[in-house]
Each structure stands twice: as C-alpha cells, then as structure tokens.
Amino acid sequence: MSKPTIQEMREQLVNNEIDYISQMVIQDKFQELFDYVMKNCGFKDDEDTEIESIYMDLYGDMINEQEISDE
C-alpha cells in the first residue's frame, strides 16, 4: 500500500472526527459533545463582538420576532 496523499490523509482525519462525533450522539453523550464542540470549534477564542455577530446571524430573526410579539 502506498502512502496516501495529503488530501486523502485530510479526508480520513475528517472522517475520524465525524465518526467520533456520531458516536457521542448515538451514545447520548451530550455533555461530552458540548465540551468537544466548545473546545474545537473556536468559539472560546472569539472576541465578544464576533460571538454576538455569529449569534445574531443565526438567531437574530427569532429575537426580532419575539420583540414584536412582546409589544
């Protein structure tokens, strides 16, 4: 067997991560999954303004709808 290309190595590493995450979900290890995502997705290192921007991009419409319904 020949040495895999960098792209093949990268793909295998990604597949390993997907398998690991899938197993956490299947086994109901939600706290472990939360900790894994918090550690590996970079959110803990983002500035507050970046977190707010990402959050508003994802949930801003829901917040605006809630404000309208509260009025």
C-alpha atoms as a PDB file:
ATOM      1  CA  MET A   1       0.000   0.000   0.000  1.00  0.00           C
ATOM      2  CA  SER A   2       1.401   3.370  -0.997  1.00  0.00           C
ATOM      3  CA  LYS A   3       1.477   6.385   1.237  1.00  0.00           C
ATOM      4  CA  PRO A   4      -1.792   8.370   0.949  1.00  0.00           C
ATOM      5  CA  THR A   5      -1.805  11.879  -0.443  1.00  0.00           C
ATOM      6  CA  ILE A   6      -2.245  14.824   1.905  1.00  0.00           C
ATOM      7  CA  GLN A   7      -5.819  15.197   0.671  1.00  0.00           C
ATOM      8  CA  GLU A   8      -6.524  11.536   1.452  1.00  0.00           C
ATOM      9  CA  MET A   9      -4.964  11.979   4.896  1.00  0.00           C
ATOM     10  CA  ARG A  10      -7.097  15.061   5.494  1.00  0.00           C
ATOM     11  CA  GLU A  11     -10.253  13.247   4.407  1.00  0.00           C
ATOM     12  CA  GLN A  12      -9.509  10.312   6.713  1.00  0.00           C
ATOM     13  CA  LEU A  13      -8.916  12.637   9.657  1.00  0.00           C
ATOM     14  CA  VAL A  14     -12.219  14.395   8.947  1.00  0.00           C
ATOM     15  CA  ASN A  15     -13.986  11.040   8.707  1.00  0.00           C
ATOM     16  CA  ASN A  16     -12.484  10.021  12.053  1.00  0.00           C
ATOM     17  CA  GLU A  17     -13.829  13.205  13.655  1.00  0.00           C
ATOM     18  CA  ILE A  18     -17.260  12.624  12.138  1.00  0.00           C
ATOM     19  CA  ASP A  19     -17.279   9.060  13.479  1.00  0.00           C
ATOM     20  CA  TYR A  20     -16.237  10.272  16.928  1.00  0.00           C
ATOM     21  CA  ILE A  21     -18.979  12.913  16.991  1.00  0.00           C
ATOM     22  CA  SER A  22     -21.561  10.453  15.664  1.00  0.00           C
ATOM     23  CA  GLN A  23     -20.725   8.008  18.437  1.00  0.00           C
ATOM     24  CA  MET A  24     -21.181  10.708  21.074  1.00  0.00           C
ATOM     25  CA  VAL A  25     -24.629  11.481  19.651  1.00  0.00           C
ATOM     26  CA  ILE A  26     -25.641   7.824  19.355  1.00  0.00           C
ATOM     27  CA  GLN A  27     -24.500   7.136  22.917  1.00  0.00           C
ATOM     28  CA  ASP A  28     -26.305  10.241  24.317  1.00  0.00           C
ATOM     29  CA  LYS A  29     -23.045  11.798  25.496  1.00  0.00           C
ATOM     30  CA  PHE A  30     -24.349  15.316  25.107  1.00  0.00           C
ATOM     31  CA  GLN A  31     -22.144  16.935  27.758  1.00  0.00           C
ATOM     32  CA  GLU A  32     -19.083  15.358  26.154  1.00  0.00           C
ATOM     33  CA  LEU A  33     -20.293  16.551  22.741  1.00  0.00           C
ATOM     34  CA  PHE A  34     -20.896  20.063  24.082  1.00  0.00           C
ATOM     35  CA  ASP A  35     -17.396  20.147  25.595  1.00  0.00           C
ATOM     36  CA  TYR A  36     -15.878  18.822  22.364  1.00  0.00           C
ATOM     37  CA  VAL A  37     -17.604  21.445  20.222  1.00  0.00           C
ATOM     38  CA  MET A  38     -16.740  24.222  22.686  1.00  0.00           C
ATOM     39  CA  LYS A  39     -13.088  23.181  22.624  1.00  0.00           C
ATOM     40  CA  ASN A  40     -12.710  22.508  18.894  1.00  0.00           C
ATOM     41  CA  CYS A  41     -14.957  24.996  17.115  1.00  0.00           C
ATOM     42  CA  GLY A  42     -13.044  28.068  18.194  1.00  0.00           C
ATOM     43  CA  PHE A  43     -15.900  29.875  19.906  1.00  0.00           C
ATOM     44  CA  LYS A  44     -13.998  30.135  23.177  1.00  0.00           C
ATOM     45  CA  ASP A  45     -11.255  32.134  21.429  1.00  0.00           C
ATOM     46  CA  ASP A  46     -13.533  34.527  19.525  1.00  0.00           C
ATOM     47  CA  GLU A  47     -13.934  38.100  20.635  1.00  0.00           C
ATOM     48  CA  ASP A  48     -17.275  39.064  22.185  1.00  0.00           C
ATOM     49  CA  THR A  49     -18.237  41.074  19.103  1.00  0.00           C
ATOM     50  CA  GLU A  50     -17.581  38.072  16.860  1.00  0.00           C
ATOM     51  CA  ILE A  51     -19.714  35.829  19.093  1.00  0.00           C
ATOM     52  CA  GLU A  52     -22.522  38.389  19.019  1.00  0.00           C
ATOM     53  CA  SER A  53     -22.281  38.666  15.228  1.00  0.00           C
ATOM     54  CA  ILE A  54     -22.409  34.893  14.717  1.00  0.00           C
ATOM     55  CA  TYR A  55     -25.285  34.575  17.191  1.00  0.00           C
ATOM     56  CA  MET A  56     -27.306  37.349  15.566  1.00  0.00           C
ATOM     57  CA  ASP A  57     -26.732  35.838  12.110  1.00  0.00           C
ATOM     58  CA  LEU A  58     -28.176  32.553  13.382  1.00  0.00           C
ATOM     59  CA  TYR A  59     -30.854  33.749  15.814  1.00  0.00           C
ATOM     60  CA  GLY A  60     -31.464  37.435  15.091  1.00  0.00           C
ATOM     61  CA  ASP A  61     -34.761  36.785  13.297  1.00  0.00           C
ATOM     62  CA  MET A  62     -36.097  34.861  16.303  1.00  0.00           C
ATOM     63  CA  ILE A  63     -35.111  37.688  18.653  1.00  0.00           C
ATOM     64  CA  ASN A  64     -36.776  40.263  16.388  1.00  0.00           C
ATOM     65  CA  GLU A  65     -39.946  38.141  16.184  1.00  0.00           C
ATOM     66  CA  GLN A  66     -40.013  37.824  19.983  1.00  0.00           C
ATOM     67  CA  GLU A  67     -39.643  41.601  20.404  1.00  0.00           C
ATOM     68  CA  ILE A  68     -42.536  42.193  18.002  1.00  0.00           C
ATOM     69  CA  SER A  69     -44.779  39.680  19.784  1.00  0.00           C
ATOM     70  CA  ASP A  70     -43.941  41.238  23.171  1.00  0.00           C
ATOM     71  CA  GLU A  71     -45.189  44.651  22.009  1.00  0.00           C
END
